[in-house]
């Protein structure tokens, strides 16, 4: 695909996207973003798989550790050296996650700081380093299963910035021809291409809708809202192996108009927006109209529901993101 973008030709025998028919701005974005999203991303996964393979082969010469380090290097990029934790001076996946979190308010401090997904991924990377080291020292395969689980979780979490990018450029290109640029359409192609195989595994129809928009450049058959809703519906099953379930509406977030304010451009549609505070305010408001007895019963029910929801979220967090001791 990237070679076709360089050469200005069709992608293999595919007749739906011919790079000779799109502008240089489109091709530039396809190359620049596509190198990372469609080439380096799967190579990060491969290096982690290589570490798992070395672990299973009982390689006691630190091959598994070396392969795991390579995965981190391909994820973070060389420009992060000397920048410290949270430095985003590169152009690879680490920098992308920190860039996209500012659009979706999913950074550690809302619109600022390291992205939550980077913090989660590096926590898993660090665990993997220790498991690979233990395997190398003890020459045992006991740690290999956990190493493989970490690989699947990291690969899945890596999809979050790609999903965010896809949503952002679906939104930016939703208007008629006069309201979208070739650069924006090229970025949509790169982001969508990275996640299309994963989306197809979950829902072939949702993948077809996204493919029509990003590859066939069909901006009329499906609306922005329809594609967005179909994509959001795939989140619970998106990803690889033990990582399935980590791509959530909360992890992806809502699209904001800027990087410093709370003006929503496009809200998520796949999860309720009401908070516990909203529930309690609703209970108080209804209580004033329904009377003390009814209010007491309603408040008790809502408090119970809020506690149940909190417990359910804690359980979900433990099951999906926490690792066994």
Protein backbone atom coordinates (compact mmCIF):
# COMPACT_ATOMS: atom_id res chain seq x y z
CA UNK A 1 0.00 0.00 0.00
CA UNK A 2 2.75 2.46 0.90
CA UNK A 3 4.71 1.58 -2.25
CA UNK A 4 1.60 2.25 -4.32
CA UNK A 5 1.25 5.64 -2.63
CA UNK A 6 4.89 6.43 -3.49
CA UNK A 7 4.53 5.23 -7.07
CA UNK A 8 1.09 6.69 -7.68
CA UNK A 9 -0.43 3.36 -8.72
CA UNK A 10 -3.19 0.98 -7.69
CA UNK A 11 -2.85 -1.13 -4.58
CA UNK A 12 -2.19 -4.52 -6.18
CA UNK A 13 -5.25 -5.54 -8.16
CA UNK A 14 -7.55 -3.39 -6.02
CA UNK A 15 -9.70 -1.22 -8.25
CA UNK A 16 -11.24 0.92 -5.54
CA UNK A 17 -8.22 3.07 -4.75
CA UNK A 18 -5.80 4.22 -7.41
CA UNK A 19 -3.18 6.60 -6.03
CA UNK A 20 -2.80 8.13 -9.50
CA UNK A 21 -6.29 9.61 -9.09
CA UNK A 22 -5.71 11.35 -5.74
CA UNK A 23 -3.70 14.46 -4.92
CA UNK A 24 -0.14 14.61 -3.66
CA UNK A 25 -1.49 15.82 -0.30
CA UNK A 26 -3.51 12.60 0.01
CA UNK A 27 -0.49 10.49 -0.97
CA UNK A 28 1.79 12.34 1.46
CA UNK A 29 -0.53 11.58 4.39
CA UNK A 30 -0.97 7.98 3.26
CA UNK A 31 2.82 7.53 3.22
CA UNK A 32 3.74 9.49 6.34
CA UNK A 33 0.97 8.06 8.53
CA UNK A 34 0.75 4.70 6.79
CA UNK A 35 4.40 3.85 7.47
CA UNK A 36 3.62 3.98 11.20
CA UNK A 37 0.04 2.71 11.28
CA UNK A 38 0.26 -0.12 8.74
CA UNK A 39 3.95 -1.15 8.96
CA UNK A 40 5.54 -0.26 12.29
CA UNK A 41 2.45 -1.09 14.35
CA UNK A 42 2.33 -4.76 13.28
CA UNK A 43 6.10 -4.94 13.67
CA UNK A 44 5.78 -3.91 17.32
CA UNK A 45 3.40 -6.84 17.73
CA UNK A 46 5.84 -9.14 15.91
CA UNK A 47 8.74 -8.22 18.23
CA UNK A 48 6.57 -9.08 21.22
CA UNK A 49 5.67 -12.38 19.54
CA UNK A 50 9.38 -12.95 18.94
CA UNK A 51 9.94 -12.54 22.68
CA UNK A 52 7.22 -15.10 23.36
CA UNK A 53 8.81 -17.50 20.86
CA UNK A 54 12.23 -17.11 22.52
CA UNK A 55 10.63 -17.67 25.91
CA UNK A 56 9.00 -20.90 24.72
CA UNK A 57 12.28 -22.02 23.16
CA UNK A 58 13.95 -21.73 26.58
CA UNK A 59 16.49 -19.30 25.20
CA UNK A 60 18.53 -18.38 28.27
CA UNK A 61 20.75 -15.81 26.58
CA UNK A 62 18.35 -12.88 27.00
CA UNK A 63 16.92 -13.19 23.49
CA UNK A 64 13.40 -12.72 24.85
CA UNK A 65 14.48 -9.59 26.73
CA UNK A 66 16.17 -8.22 23.62
CA UNK A 67 13.10 -8.83 21.44
CA UNK A 68 10.83 -7.19 24.03
CA UNK A 69 13.13 -4.16 24.14
CA UNK A 70 12.92 -3.92 20.36
CA UNK A 71 9.13 -3.83 20.56
CA UNK A 72 9.33 -0.89 22.97
CA UNK A 73 11.88 0.85 20.73
CA UNK A 74 9.61 0.53 17.69
CA UNK A 75 6.66 1.79 19.73
CA UNK A 76 8.39 4.78 21.32
CA UNK A 77 10.92 5.87 18.69
CA UNK A 78 14.48 7.11 19.08
CA UNK A 79 13.71 10.78 19.73
CA UNK A 80 12.27 9.96 23.12
CA UNK A 81 15.80 9.16 24.34
CA UNK A 82 16.79 11.71 26.98
CA UNK A 83 13.32 13.21 27.01
CA UNK A 84 12.14 11.35 30.06
CA UNK A 85 8.82 9.66 30.67
CA UNK A 86 6.05 11.56 28.96
CA UNK A 87 8.27 13.07 26.24
CA UNK A 88 6.43 13.11 22.89
CA UNK A 89 8.99 14.46 20.45
CA UNK A 90 8.82 11.53 18.05
CA UNK A 91 6.42 10.57 15.26
CA UNK A 92 5.67 6.97 16.20
CA UNK A 93 2.86 5.38 18.21
CA UNK A 94 3.87 6.83 21.57
CA UNK A 95 3.69 10.37 20.20
CA UNK A 96 0.44 9.61 18.37
CA UNK A 97 -1.28 8.46 21.56
CA UNK A 98 -0.24 11.66 23.37
CA UNK A 99 -1.40 13.76 20.40
CA UNK A 100 -4.82 12.14 20.07
CA UNK A 101 -5.59 12.23 23.80
CA UNK A 102 -5.66 16.03 23.54
CA UNK A 103 -8.54 15.76 21.05
CA UNK A 104 -10.55 13.30 23.14
CA UNK A 105 -9.72 14.46 26.69
CA UNK A 106 -8.14 11.09 27.49
CA UNK A 107 -4.79 12.39 28.72
CA UNK A 108 -3.79 11.76 32.33
CA UNK A 109 -4.84 15.34 33.16
CA UNK A 110 -7.72 15.66 30.75
CA UNK A 111 -6.36 17.67 27.82
CA UNK A 112 -2.76 17.62 29.04
CA UNK A 113 -0.09 15.19 30.11
CA UNK A 114 0.76 11.68 29.03
CA UNK A 115 -2.12 9.80 27.45
CA UNK A 116 -3.82 7.26 29.67
CA UNK A 117 -3.27 4.62 27.01
CA UNK A 118 0.50 5.26 27.01
CA UNK A 119 0.60 4.90 30.78
CA UNK A 120 -1.31 1.63 30.55
CA UNK A 121 0.83 0.31 27.70
CA UNK A 122 4.11 1.13 29.45
CA UNK A 123 2.92 -0.49 32.65
CA UNK A 124 2.35 -3.64 30.58
CA UNK A 125 5.69 -3.21 28.77
CA UNK A 126 7.46 -3.03 32.14
CA UNK A 127 5.70 -6.16 33.36
CA UNK A 128 6.71 -7.94 30.17
CA UNK A 129 10.33 -6.94 30.63
CA UNK A 130 10.36 -8.56 34.04
CA UNK A 131 8.64 -11.71 32.81
CA UNK A 132 11.10 -12.03 29.91
CA UNK A 133 14.02 -11.51 32.31
CA UNK A 134 12.72 -14.12 34.74
CA UNK A 135 12.34 -16.60 31.89
CA UNK A 136 15.89 -15.95 30.70
CA UNK A 137 17.39 -16.35 34.17
CA UNK A 138 15.46 -19.46 35.17
CA UNK A 139 15.32 -21.04 31.69
CA UNK A 140 11.67 -21.87 32.18
CA UNK A 141 8.52 -21.49 30.09
CA UNK A 142 6.42 -20.71 33.18
CA UNK A 143 6.33 -17.00 32.32
CA UNK A 144 5.59 -17.39 28.60
CA UNK A 145 1.79 -17.50 28.91
CA UNK A 146 1.72 -14.21 30.80
CA UNK A 147 4.14 -12.69 28.28
CA UNK A 148 1.75 -13.67 25.49
CA UNK A 149 -1.17 -12.17 27.41
CA UNK A 150 0.74 -8.89 27.76
CA UNK A 151 1.44 -8.90 24.02
CA UNK A 152 -2.28 -9.23 23.24
CA UNK A 153 -3.23 -6.48 25.68
CA UNK A 154 -0.62 -4.05 24.35
CA UNK A 155 -1.64 -4.75 20.75
CA UNK A 156 -5.28 -4.11 21.62
CA UNK A 157 -4.62 -0.92 23.59
CA UNK A 158 -2.57 0.33 20.64
CA UNK A 159 -5.80 0.45 18.65
CA UNK A 160 -7.25 3.23 20.83
CA UNK A 161 -5.35 6.14 19.17
CA UNK A 162 -6.09 4.64 15.74
CA UNK A 163 -9.80 4.53 16.55
CA UNK A 164 -9.61 8.10 17.84
CA UNK A 165 -7.88 9.21 14.64
CA UNK A 166 -10.48 7.43 12.52
CA UNK A 167 -13.33 9.12 14.39
CA UNK A 168 -11.64 12.51 14.18
CA UNK A 169 -11.17 12.37 10.42
CA UNK A 170 -14.56 10.81 9.80
CA UNK A 171 -15.88 13.94 11.50
CA UNK A 172 -13.59 16.33 9.61
CA UNK A 173 -14.54 14.83 6.23
CA UNK A 174 -18.27 14.51 6.90
CA UNK A 175 -19.25 17.63 4.91
CA UNK A 176 -19.54 18.02 1.17
CA UNK A 177 -16.53 18.33 -1.12
CA UNK A 178 -16.00 22.01 -0.31
CA UNK A 179 -15.71 21.23 3.39
CA UNK A 180 -13.04 18.53 3.28
CA UNK A 181 -9.41 18.60 2.20
CA UNK A 182 -7.29 15.96 0.47
CA UNK A 183 -5.01 15.99 3.51
CA UNK A 184 -7.89 15.11 5.81
CA UNK A 185 -9.11 12.33 3.51
CA UNK A 186 -5.57 10.93 3.32
CA UNK A 187 -5.35 10.88 7.10
CA UNK A 188 -8.71 9.13 7.30
CA UNK A 189 -7.38 6.47 4.88
CA UNK A 190 -4.31 5.83 7.06
CA UNK A 191 -6.19 5.59 10.36
CA UNK A 192 -9.04 3.52 8.94
CA UNK A 193 -6.66 1.12 7.19
CA UNK A 194 -4.92 0.35 10.49
CA UNK A 195 -8.14 -0.78 12.18
CA UNK A 196 -10.11 -2.25 9.26
CA UNK A 197 -8.93 -5.87 9.74
CA UNK A 198 -9.85 -5.73 13.44
CA UNK A 199 -13.24 -4.15 12.70
CA UNK A 200 -13.93 -6.79 10.04
CA UNK A 201 -13.27 -9.56 12.56
CA UNK A 202 -16.08 -8.15 14.70
CA UNK A 203 -18.59 -6.84 12.13
CA UNK A 204 -18.09 -7.21 8.38
CA UNK A 205 -20.87 -4.68 7.70
CA UNK A 206 -19.24 -2.00 9.86
CA UNK A 207 -15.93 -2.67 8.12
CA UNK A 208 -17.61 -2.38 4.71
CA UNK A 209 -19.07 1.01 5.66
CA UNK A 210 -15.67 2.28 6.79
CA UNK A 211 -13.99 0.78 3.71
CA UNK A 212 -16.42 2.54 1.38
CA UNK A 213 -15.65 5.88 3.02
CA UNK A 214 -11.85 5.55 3.36
CA UNK A 215 -10.95 3.41 0.32
CA UNK A 216 -13.69 3.95 -2.25
CA UNK A 217 -13.91 7.61 -1.19
CA UNK A 218 -17.69 7.26 -1.15
CA UNK A 219 -19.08 10.09 0.97
CA UNK A 220 -22.75 9.60 0.12
CA UNK A 221 -23.82 5.97 0.70
CA UNK A 222 -23.35 6.01 4.47
CA UNK A 223 -23.67 9.01 6.77
CA UNK A 224 -20.99 10.02 9.23
CA UNK A 225 -23.33 9.20 12.09
CA UNK A 226 -24.09 5.71 10.74
CA UNK A 227 -20.41 4.82 10.28
CA UNK A 228 -19.51 6.21 13.72
CA UNK A 229 -22.28 4.26 15.44
CA UNK A 230 -21.35 1.04 13.64
CA UNK A 231 -17.69 1.48 14.58
CA UNK A 232 -18.50 2.19 18.23
CA UNK A 233 -20.59 -0.97 18.39
CA UNK A 234 -17.48 -3.06 17.64
CA UNK A 235 -15.51 -1.82 20.67
CA UNK A 236 -16.44 -4.63 23.11
CA UNK A 237 -14.99 -7.30 20.79
CA UNK A 238 -12.21 -5.29 19.16
CA UNK A 239 -8.63 -6.45 19.58
CA UNK A 240 -6.57 -9.59 20.06
CA UNK A 241 -6.96 -12.49 22.48
CA UNK A 242 -6.72 -11.45 26.11
CA UNK A 243 -6.86 -7.80 25.07
CA UNK A 244 -10.45 -7.98 23.82
CA UNK A 245 -12.54 -5.69 25.99
CA UNK A 246 -9.87 -3.04 26.59
CA UNK A 247 -11.11 -0.78 23.78
CA UNK A 248 -14.05 0.90 25.50
CA UNK A 249 -16.07 4.04 24.94
CA UNK A 250 -14.45 5.52 28.03
CA UNK A 251 -10.95 4.72 26.73
CA UNK A 252 -11.68 6.29 23.34
CA UNK A 253 -13.57 9.28 24.74
CA UNK A 254 -15.50 12.05 23.00
CA UNK A 255 -14.21 14.32 20.25
CA UNK A 256 -13.68 17.93 21.36
CA UNK A 257 -13.35 20.99 19.15
CA UNK A 258 -10.02 22.06 20.61
CA UNK A 259 -7.34 20.80 22.93
CA UNK A 260 -8.03 23.05 25.90
CA UNK A 261 -11.81 23.45 26.25
CA UNK A 262 -14.87 21.34 26.91
CA UNK A 263 -16.70 22.17 23.70
CA UNK A 264 -17.83 18.84 22.27
CA UNK A 265 -17.65 18.33 18.54
CA UNK A 266 -19.10 14.85 18.54
CA UNK A 267 -20.22 12.92 21.61
CA UNK A 268 -19.97 9.16 21.96
CA UNK A 269 -23.23 7.29 21.42
CA UNK A 270 -22.38 3.87 22.86
CA UNK A 271 -22.42 4.54 26.60
CA UNK A 272 -24.58 6.57 29.02
CA UNK A 273 -23.35 10.04 29.87
CA UNK A 274 -25.10 10.32 33.23
CA UNK A 275 -22.82 10.39 36.26
CA UNK A 276 -23.42 9.41 39.86
CA UNK A 277 -23.74 13.11 40.73
CA UNK A 278 -26.41 13.47 38.04
CA UNK A 279 -28.25 10.49 39.52
CA UNK A 280 -28.25 12.03 42.99
CA UNK A 281 -29.36 15.42 41.65
CA UNK A 282 -32.19 13.72 39.77
CA UNK A 283 -33.27 11.94 42.93
CA UNK A 284 -33.37 15.23 44.87
CA UNK A 285 -35.30 17.01 42.14
CA UNK A 286 -37.87 14.26 41.82
CA UNK A 287 -38.15 14.03 45.58
CA UNK A 288 -39.32 17.63 45.82
CA UNK A 289 -42.23 16.85 43.51
CA UNK A 290 -43.10 13.32 44.60
CA UNK A 291 -43.05 13.82 48.33
CA UNK A 292 -40.78 12.69 51.10
CA UNK A 293 -41.81 9.03 51.14
CA UNK A 294 -41.50 8.55 47.40
CA UNK A 295 -38.25 10.50 47.35
CA UNK A 296 -36.77 8.31 50.05
CA UNK A 297 -37.61 5.16 48.13
CA UNK A 298 -36.36 6.59 44.84
CA UNK A 299 -33.13 7.86 46.41
CA UNK A 300 -32.46 4.48 47.99
CA UNK A 301 -32.97 2.77 44.64
CA UNK A 302 -30.71 5.19 42.83
CA UNK A 303 -27.97 5.00 45.47
CA UNK A 304 -28.15 1.21 45.26
CA UNK A 305 -27.91 1.41 41.46
CA UNK A 306 -24.94 3.78 41.70
CA UNK A 307 -23.15 1.44 44.10
CA UNK A 308 -23.96 -1.53 41.88
CA UNK A 309 -22.59 0.35 38.87
CA UNK A 310 -19.41 1.27 40.75
CA UNK A 311 -18.94 -2.35 41.83
CA UNK A 312 -19.54 -3.56 38.28
CA UNK A 313 -16.97 -1.10 36.88
CA UNK A 314 -14.42 -2.15 39.49
CA UNK A 315 -15.01 -5.80 38.63
CA UNK A 316 -14.73 -5.00 34.91
CA UNK A 317 -11.47 -3.14 35.56
CA UNK A 318 -10.05 -6.08 37.49
CA UNK A 319 -11.07 -8.60 34.86
CA UNK A 320 -9.96 -6.62 31.83
CA UNK A 321 -6.92 -4.59 32.84
CA UNK A 322 -5.42 -6.09 35.96
CA UNK A 323 -3.00 -8.97 35.81
CA UNK A 324 -2.80 -11.92 38.15
CA UNK A 325 -0.17 -11.69 40.86
